[in-house]
C-alpha atoms as a PDB file:
ATOM      1  CA  MET A   1       0.057   0.071   0.051  1.00  0.00           C
ATOM      2  CA  TYR A   2       1.347   3.424  -1.053  1.00  0.00           C
ATOM      3  CA  GLY A   3      -0.087   6.742   0.521  1.00  0.00           C
ATOM      4  CA  LYS A   4      -2.827   7.105   2.937  1.00  0.00           C
ATOM      5  CA  GLY A   5      -6.638   7.752   2.888  1.00  0.00           C
ATOM      6  CA  ASP A   6      -8.278   8.759  -0.410  1.00  0.00           C
ATOM      7  CA  THR A   7      -4.966   8.929  -2.111  1.00  0.00           C
ATOM      8  CA  ALA A   8      -3.864   5.319  -1.132  1.00  0.00           C
ATOM      9  CA  VAL A   9      -2.768   2.802  -3.870  1.00  0.00           C
ATOM     10  CA  ARG A  10      -2.835  -0.987  -3.163  1.00  0.00           C
ATOM     11  CA  ALA A  11       0.015  -2.051  -5.520  1.00  0.00           C
ATOM     12  CA  LEU A  12      -0.384  -5.714  -4.259  1.00  0.00           C
ATOM     13  CA  ASP A  13      -3.500  -7.333  -3.257  1.00  0.00           C
ATOM     14  CA  GLY A  14      -3.596 -10.514  -1.430  1.00  0.00           C
ATOM     15  CA  VAL A  15      -0.736 -11.971  -3.444  1.00  0.00           C
ATOM     16  CA  SER A  16       0.485 -15.549  -2.114  1.00  0.00           C
ATOM     17  CA  LEU A  17       3.285 -16.786  -3.972  1.00  0.00           C
ATOM     18  CA  GLY A  18       5.872 -19.641  -2.975  1.00  0.00           C
ATOM     19  CA  VAL A  19       9.152 -20.565  -4.809  1.00  0.00           C
ATOM     20  CA  ALA A  20      10.771 -23.774  -4.218  1.00  0.00           C
ATOM     21  CA  LYS A  21      14.586 -24.047  -3.872  1.00  0.00           C
ATOM     22  CA  GLY A  22      16.489 -24.533  -7.165  1.00  0.00           C
ATOM     23  CA  ARG A  23      13.626 -23.170  -9.377  1.00  0.00           C
ATOM     24  CA  PHE A  24      13.294 -20.554 -11.949  1.00  0.00           C
ATOM     25  CA  VAL A  25      10.002 -18.516 -12.064  1.00  0.00           C
ATOM     26  CA  ALA A  26       9.189 -15.543 -14.281  1.00  0.00           C
ATOM     27  CA  ILE A  27       6.849 -12.811 -13.258  1.00  0.00           C
ATOM     28  CA  MET A  28       4.913 -11.052 -16.004  1.00  0.00           C
ATOM     29  CA  GLY A  29       1.813  -8.777 -16.450  1.00  0.00           C
ATOM     30  CA  PRO A  30       0.826  -5.309 -18.012  1.00  0.00           C
ATOM     31  CA  SER A  31       2.471  -2.140 -17.227  1.00  0.00           C
ATOM     32  CA  GLY A  32       1.726  -0.863 -13.781  1.00  0.00           C
ATOM     33  CA  SER A  33       0.458  -4.532 -12.734  1.00  0.00           C
ATOM     34  CA  GLY A  34       2.781  -4.538  -9.573  1.00  0.00           C
ATOM     35  CA  LYS A  35       5.663  -6.793 -11.106  1.00  0.00           C
ATOM     36  CA  SER A  36       8.317  -4.751  -9.843  1.00  0.00           C
ATOM     37  CA  THR A  37       6.703  -4.155  -6.495  1.00  0.00           C
ATOM     38  CA  LEU A  38       6.291  -7.703  -5.996  1.00  0.00           C
ATOM     39  CA  LEU A  39      10.014  -8.461  -6.628  1.00  0.00           C
ATOM     40  CA  HIS A  40      11.081  -5.529  -4.405  1.00  0.00           C
ATOM     41  CA  CYS A  41       8.832  -6.800  -1.503  1.00  0.00           C
ATOM     42  CA  LEU A  42      10.173 -10.225  -1.988  1.00  0.00           C
ATOM     43  CA  ALA A  43      13.636  -8.892  -1.776  1.00  0.00           C
ATOM     44  CA  GLY A  44      12.877  -6.698   1.220  1.00  0.00           C
ATOM     45  CA  LEU A  45      13.698  -3.531  -0.751  1.00  0.00           C
ATOM     46  CA  ASP A  46      10.240  -2.300  -0.198  1.00  0.00           C
ATOM     47  CA  ARG A  47       8.307  -2.828   2.937  1.00  0.00           C
ATOM     48  CA  VAL A  48       4.868  -4.769   2.834  1.00  0.00           C
ATOM     49  CA  THR A  49       2.193  -2.941   4.847  1.00  0.00           C
ATOM     50  CA  SER A  50       0.448  -6.225   5.443  1.00  0.00           C
ATOM     51  CA  GLY A  51       1.297  -9.768   5.093  1.00  0.00           C
ATOM     52  CA  GLN A  52       4.694 -11.641   5.512  1.00  0.00           C
ATOM     53  CA  VAL A  53       7.714 -12.375   3.414  1.00  0.00           C
ATOM     54  CA  PHE A  54       9.949 -15.408   4.140  1.00  0.00           C
ATOM     55  CA  LEU A  55      13.466 -16.491   2.816  1.00  0.00           C
ATOM     56  CA  GLU A  56      14.119 -20.164   3.614  1.00  0.00           C
ATOM     57  CA  ASP A  57      12.793 -20.059   7.295  1.00  0.00           C
ATOM     58  CA  GLU A  58      13.258 -16.446   8.162  1.00  0.00           C
ATOM     59  CA  GLU A  59      10.646 -13.946   8.284  1.00  0.00           C
ATOM     60  CA  ILE A  60      12.456 -10.927   6.335  1.00  0.00           C
ATOM     61  CA  SER A  61       9.296  -8.660   6.597  1.00  0.00           C
ATOM     62  CA  ALA A  62       9.893  -8.772  10.421  1.00  0.00           C
ATOM     63  CA  LEU A  63      13.806  -7.624  10.430  1.00  0.00           C
ATOM     64  CA  SER A  64      15.256  -4.254  11.405  1.00  0.00           C
ATOM     65  CA  GLU A  65      16.992  -2.478   8.341  1.00  0.00           C
ATOM     66  CA  LYS A  66      20.110  -3.240   9.779  1.00  0.00           C
ATOM     67  CA  ASP A  67      19.329  -7.007   9.798  1.00  0.00           C
ATOM     68  CA  LEU A  68      17.602  -6.842   6.520  1.00  0.00           C
ATOM     69  CA  THR A  69      20.750  -5.406   4.985  1.00  0.00           C
ATOM     70  CA  LEU A  70      22.797  -8.200   6.109  1.00  0.00           C
ATOM     71  CA  VAL A  71      20.267 -10.914   4.566  1.00  0.00           C
ATOM     72  CA  ARG A  72      20.271  -9.109   1.262  1.00  0.00           C
ATOM     73  CA  ARG A  73      24.055  -9.189   1.462  1.00  0.00           C
ATOM     74  CA  GLU A  74      24.484 -12.797   2.611  1.00  0.00           C
ATOM     75  CA  LYS A  75      21.378 -14.522   1.033  1.00  0.00           C
ATOM     76  CA  MET A  76      20.388 -12.658  -2.080  1.00  0.00           C
ATOM     77  CA  GLY A  77      21.769 -11.525  -5.443  1.00  0.00           C
ATOM     78  CA  PHE A  78      20.535  -8.928  -7.557  1.00  0.00           C
ATOM     79  CA  ILE A  79      20.420  -8.444 -11.547  1.00  0.00           C
ATOM     80  CA  PHE A  80      18.784  -5.140 -12.857  1.00  0.00           C
ATOM     81  CA  GLN A  81      18.071  -3.456 -16.229  1.00  0.00           C
ATOM     82  CA  ALA A  82      20.923  -0.883 -15.141  1.00  0.00           C
ATOM     83  CA  TYR A  83      24.102  -3.087 -14.473  1.00  0.00           C
ATOM     84  CA  ASN A  84      25.194  -0.930 -11.414  1.00  0.00           C
ATOM     85  CA  LEU A  85      28.970  -1.638 -11.823  1.00  0.00           C
ATOM     86  CA  ILE A  86      31.457   0.513 -10.312  1.00  0.00           C
ATOM     87  CA  PRO A  87      33.310   2.401 -13.103  1.00  0.00           C
ATOM     88  CA  MET A  88      36.760   2.653 -11.564  1.00  0.00           C
ATOM     89  CA  LEU A  89      36.846  -1.374 -10.754  1.00  0.00           C
ATOM     90  CA  ASP A  90      37.584  -3.857 -13.183  1.00  0.00           C
ATOM     91  CA  ALA A  91      35.320  -6.761 -14.050  1.00  0.00           C
ATOM     92  CA  GLU A  92      37.063  -9.213 -11.445  1.00  0.00           C
ATOM     93  CA  GLU A  93      36.615  -6.393  -8.641  1.00  0.00           C
ATOM     94  CA  ASN A  94      33.160  -5.757  -9.464  1.00  0.00           C
ATOM     95  CA  ILE A  95      32.128  -9.475  -9.213  1.00  0.00           C
ATOM     96  CA  LEU A  96      33.965  -9.793  -5.812  1.00  0.00           C
ATOM     97  CA  LEU A  97      32.561  -6.508  -4.465  1.00  0.00           C
ATOM     98  CA  PRO A  98      29.814  -8.150  -2.417  1.00  0.00           C
ATOM     99  CA  LEU A  99      32.246 -10.415  -0.577  1.00  0.00           C
ATOM    100  CA  LYS A 100      34.702  -7.619   0.099  1.00  0.00           C
ATOM    101  CA  LEU A 101      31.731  -5.579   1.598  1.00  0.00           C
ATOM    102  CA  ALA A 102      30.957  -8.478   3.738  1.00  0.00           C
ATOM    103  CA  GLY A 103      34.508  -8.881   4.944  1.00  0.00           C
ATOM    104  CA  LYS A 104      34.826 -12.656   3.494  1.00  0.00           C
ATOM    105  CA  GLU A 105      37.538 -14.057   1.318  1.00  0.00           C
ATOM    106  CA  PRO A 106      36.241 -15.564  -1.941  1.00  0.00           C
ATOM    107  CA  ASP A 107      36.090 -19.242  -2.801  1.00  0.00           C
ATOM    108  CA  HIS A 108      38.401 -19.235  -5.758  1.00  0.00           C
ATOM    109  CA  ASP A 109      37.108 -22.430  -7.070  1.00  0.00           C
ATOM    110  CA  TRP A 110      33.778 -21.134  -7.262  1.00  0.00           C
ATOM    111  CA  PHE A 111      34.809 -17.800  -8.585  1.00  0.00           C
ATOM    112  CA  ASP A 112      36.727 -19.789 -11.530  1.00  0.00           C
ATOM    113  CA  ARG A 113      33.504 -21.811 -12.185  1.00  0.00           C
ATOM    114  CA  VAL A 114      31.120 -18.679 -12.074  1.00  0.00           C
ATOM    115  CA  VAL A 115      33.516 -16.867 -14.439  1.00  0.00           C
ATOM    116  CA  ASP A 116      33.949 -19.580 -16.710  1.00  0.00           C
ATOM    117  CA  THR A 117      30.169 -20.192 -16.672  1.00  0.00           C
ATOM    118  CA  VAL A 118      29.431 -16.736 -17.986  1.00  0.00           C
ATOM    119  CA  GLY A 119      32.377 -16.399 -20.327  1.00  0.00           C
ATOM    120  CA  LEU A 120      34.298 -13.624 -18.740  1.00  0.00           C
ATOM    121  CA  ARG A 121      37.757 -15.244 -18.426  1.00  0.00           C
ATOM    122  CA  ASP A 122      39.359 -12.838 -20.916  1.00  0.00           C
ATOM    123  CA  ARG A 123      37.802  -9.566 -19.707  1.00  0.00           C
ATOM    124  CA  LEU A 124      38.429  -9.908 -15.911  1.00  0.00           C
ATOM    125  CA  ARG A 125      40.913  -6.987 -16.227  1.00  0.00           C
ATOM    126  CA  HIS A 126      38.473  -4.789 -18.119  1.00  0.00           C
ATOM    127  CA  ARG A 127      36.651  -2.035 -16.600  1.00  0.00           C
ATOM    128  CA  PRO A 128      32.855  -1.276 -17.535  1.00  0.00           C
ATOM    129  CA  ASP A 129      33.470   1.092 -20.038  1.00  0.00           C
ATOM    130  CA  GLU A 130      35.656  -1.232 -21.831  1.00  0.00           C
ATOM    131  CA  LEU A 131      33.036  -3.843 -21.961  1.00  0.00           C
ATOM    132  CA  SER A 132      29.921  -4.320 -24.173  1.00  0.00           C
ATOM    133  CA  GLY A 133      26.376  -3.974 -22.699  1.00  0.00           C
ATOM    134  CA  GLY A 134      26.173  -7.698 -22.699  1.00  0.00           C
ATOM    135  CA  GLN A 135      29.570  -8.273 -21.182  1.00  0.00           C
ATOM    136  CA  GLN A 136      28.760  -5.705 -18.359  1.00  0.00           C
ATOM    137  CA  GLN A 137      25.540  -7.527 -17.797  1.00  0.00           C
ATOM    138  CA  ARG A 138      27.440 -10.934 -17.492  1.00  0.00           C
ATOM    139  CA  VAL A 139      29.625  -9.227 -14.972  1.00  0.00           C
ATOM    140  CA  ALA A 140      26.349  -8.348 -12.949  1.00  0.00           C
ATOM    141  CA  VAL A 141      25.363 -12.147 -13.231  1.00  0.00           C
ATOM    142  CA  ALA A 142      28.590 -13.401 -11.930  1.00  0.00           C
ATOM    143  CA  ARG A 143      28.463 -10.901  -9.078  1.00  0.00           C
ATOM    144  CA  ALA A 144      25.016 -12.122  -8.344  1.00  0.00           C
ATOM    145  CA  LEU A 145      26.334 -15.701  -8.188  1.00  0.00           C
ATOM    146  CA  VAL A 146      29.659 -15.347  -6.682  1.00  0.00           C
ATOM    147  CA  THR A 147      28.170 -15.170  -2.960  1.00  0.00           C
ATOM    148  CA  ARG A 148      26.181 -18.309  -3.531  1.00  0.00           C
ATOM    149  CA  PRO A 149      22.989 -16.641  -2.741  1.00  0.00           C
ATOM    150  CA  ALA A 150      19.776 -18.474  -1.806  1.00  0.00           C
ATOM    151  CA  VAL A 151      17.988 -16.682  -4.358  1.00  0.00           C
ATOM    152  CA  ILE A 152      18.684 -14.204  -7.236  1.00  0.00           C
ATOM    153  CA  PHE A 153      16.111 -11.546  -7.836  1.00  0.00           C
ATOM    154  CA  ALA A 154      16.310 -10.020 -11.771  1.00  0.00           C
ATOM    155  CA  ASP A 155      14.386  -7.074 -12.584  1.00  0.00           C
ATOM    156  CA  GLU A 156      14.034  -6.901 -16.540  1.00  0.00           C
ATOM    157  CA  PRO A 157      17.696  -8.250 -16.667  1.00  0.00           C
ATOM    158  CA  THR A 158      17.737  -7.989 -20.718  1.00  0.00           C
ATOM    159  CA  GLY A 159      16.189  -4.568 -21.113  1.00  0.00           C
ATOM    160  CA  ASN A 160      19.103  -2.989 -22.444  1.00  0.00           C
ATOM    161  CA  LEU A 161      20.481  -5.776 -24.284  1.00  0.00           C
ATOM    162  CA  ASP A 162      20.128  -6.601 -28.067  1.00  0.00           C
ATOM    163  CA  THR A 163      18.531 -10.017 -28.903  1.00  0.00           C
ATOM    164  CA  LYS A 164      21.731 -11.970 -29.208  1.00  0.00           C
ATOM    165  CA  ALA A 165      23.116 -10.658 -25.713  1.00  0.00           C
ATOM    166  CA  SER A 166      19.785 -11.347 -24.201  1.00  0.00           C
ATOM    167  CA  ALA A 167      19.628 -14.790 -25.286  1.00  0.00           C
ATOM    168  CA  GLU A 168      23.250 -15.320 -24.042  1.00  0.00           C
ATOM    169  CA  LEU A 169      22.232 -13.828 -20.577  1.00  0.00           C
ATOM    170  CA  LEU A 170      19.241 -15.900 -20.232  1.00  0.00           C
ATOM    171  CA  GLY A 171      21.274 -18.879 -21.066  1.00  0.00           C
ATOM    172  CA  PHE A 172      23.847 -18.059 -18.249  1.00  0.00           C
ATOM    173  CA  ILE A 173      20.842 -17.696 -15.693  1.00  0.00           C
ATOM    174  CA  GLY A 174      19.379 -21.169 -17.030  1.00  0.00           C
ATOM    175  CA  ASP A 175      22.728 -22.502 -16.664  1.00  0.00           C
ATOM    176  CA  ALA A 176      22.996 -21.355 -13.003  1.00  0.00           C
ATOM    177  CA  VAL A 177      19.631 -22.980 -12.028  1.00  0.00           C
ATOM    178  CA  GLU A 178      20.409 -26.372 -13.901  1.00  0.00           C
ATOM    179  CA  GLU A 179      24.263 -26.627 -12.763  1.00  0.00           C
ATOM    180  CA  PHE A 180      24.210 -24.734  -9.567  1.00  0.00           C
ATOM    181  CA  GLY A 181      20.725 -25.401  -8.232  1.00  0.00           C
ATOM    182  CA  GLN A 182      20.234 -21.828  -8.121  1.00  0.00           C
ATOM    183  CA  THR A 183      16.838 -20.242  -7.275  1.00  0.00           C
ATOM    184  CA  VAL A 184      15.786 -17.267  -9.548  1.00  0.00           C
ATOM    185  CA  VAL A 185      13.014 -14.892  -9.356  1.00  0.00           C
ATOM    186  CA  MET A 186      12.671 -12.743 -12.675  1.00  0.00           C
ATOM    187  CA  VAL A 187      10.255  -9.778 -13.955  1.00  0.00           C
ATOM    188  CA  THR A 188      10.148  -9.604 -17.543  1.00  0.00           C
ATOM    189  CA  HIS A 189       7.909  -8.102 -20.234  1.00  0.00           C
ATOM    190  CA  ASP A 190       9.721 -10.628 -22.663  1.00  0.00           C
ATOM    191  CA  PRO A 191       7.854 -13.653 -23.848  1.00  0.00           C
ATOM    192  CA  LEU A 192      10.911 -15.358 -24.933  1.00  0.00           C
ATOM    193  CA  GLY A 193      12.977 -14.727 -21.924  1.00  0.00           C
ATOM    194  CA  ALA A 194      10.074 -15.762 -19.646  1.00  0.00           C
ATOM    195  CA  SER A 195       9.860 -19.042 -21.755  1.00  0.00           C
ATOM    196  CA  ARG A 196      13.304 -20.037 -20.120  1.00  0.00           C
ATOM    197  CA  ALA A 197      11.775 -20.201 -16.746  1.00  0.00           C
ATOM    198  CA  GLU A 198       9.868 -23.284 -15.463  1.00  0.00           C
ATOM    199  CA  ARG A 199       6.735 -21.289 -14.367  1.00  0.00           C
ATOM    200  CA  VAL A 200       5.193 -18.023 -15.232  1.00  0.00           C
ATOM    201  CA  ILE A 201       3.128 -15.968 -12.818  1.00  0.00           C
ATOM    202  CA  PHE A 202       0.771 -13.420 -14.377  1.00  0.00           C
ATOM    203  CA  LEU A 203      -0.014 -10.426 -12.512  1.00  0.00           C
ATOM    204  CA  VAL A 204      -2.933  -8.034 -13.265  1.00  0.00           C
ATOM    205  CA  ASP A 205      -3.857  -4.859 -10.749  1.00  0.00           C
ATOM    206  CA  GLY A 206      -1.659  -6.073  -8.336  1.00  0.00           C
ATOM    207  CA  GLN A 207      -3.174  -9.742  -8.112  1.00  0.00           C
ATOM    208  CA  ILE A 208      -2.037 -13.190  -9.559  1.00  0.00           C
ATOM    209  CA  VAL A 209      -4.616 -14.281 -12.204  1.00  0.00           C
ATOM    210  CA  ASP A 210      -2.815 -17.070 -13.627  1.00  0.00           C
ATOM    211  CA  GLN A 211       0.226 -19.346 -13.593  1.00  0.00           C
ATOM    212  CA  MET A 212       1.685 -21.241 -16.554  1.00  0.00           C
ATOM    213  CA  PRO A 213       3.968 -24.205 -15.961  1.00  0.00           C
ATOM    214  CA  ASN A 214       6.257 -25.214 -18.712  1.00  0.00           C
ATOM    215  CA  PRO A 215       5.760 -21.941 -20.677  1.00  0.00           C
ATOM    216  CA  THR A 216       6.626 -21.515 -24.413  1.00  0.00           C
ATOM    217  CA  PRO A 217       7.079 -17.978 -26.172  1.00  0.00           C
ATOM    218  CA  ASP A 218       3.494 -18.546 -28.364  1.00  0.00           C
ATOM    219  CA  LYS A 219       1.616 -19.451 -25.112  1.00  0.00           C
ATOM    220  CA  ILE A 220       3.040 -16.653 -23.155  1.00  0.00           C
ATOM    221  CA  LEU A 221       2.213 -14.202 -25.922  1.00  0.00           C
ATOM    222  CA  ASP A 222      -1.450 -15.441 -26.150  1.00  0.00           C
ATOM    223  CA  ARG A 223      -1.977 -15.005 -22.557  1.00  0.00           C
ATOM    224  CA  MET A 224      -0.524 -11.566 -22.492  1.00  0.00           C
ATOM    225  CA  LYS A 225      -2.604 -10.448 -25.187  1.00  0.00           C
ATOM    226  CA  GLU A 226      -5.717 -11.815 -23.307  1.00  0.00           C
ATOM    227  CA  LEU A 227      -4.652  -9.751 -20.225  1.00  0.00           C
ATOM    228  CA  GLY A 228      -4.228  -6.506 -22.379  1.00  0.00           C
ATOM    229  CA  ASP A 229      -0.501  -5.682 -22.556  1.00  0.00           C
END
């Protein structure tokens, strides 16, 4: 709920969603349906005004801001449409930044595996302005994976990428689910991208109106047309 009284807006209304460990779920819906708000609530970036949000067995919606920051740092990875890389750091330093902020030493074997999975081995010494958009987003994916988070939240991760780079990025995310058992929740408007997920959640006016297991681009597109986007 945003605002109060007559100006209050109910961004999400009675949403109940569970995501099993090691699953890839996409969230879709018309513009203004509450997709990003739902993702932000799940990640603790926005506070819910009612209801509860759990990560594993912990109710993150009841945590203080300090404790929530620690949970986000240790148990969540984030991939946004904007790459959010630090310009003065090279790719390797950007990838390892969450571990550095947490005061943790990297697992070098895991780092190598992640870097090879996203194909960045020959770009580790390059700064963001020396990388293409697709390569920068691969750095963001590696940064999200390197901490071995319980869940990765992706908000329109292919929004700034061309078709080829988008396909590559979604392939990397899919590999993380299949090879590493990573849990991923992704907001997207792209039927092709959403078809990579195991399940698509359709949101309209802040409510879940449908779910689609084993989605295909054509089935998603048809359902989105029915929903008015």
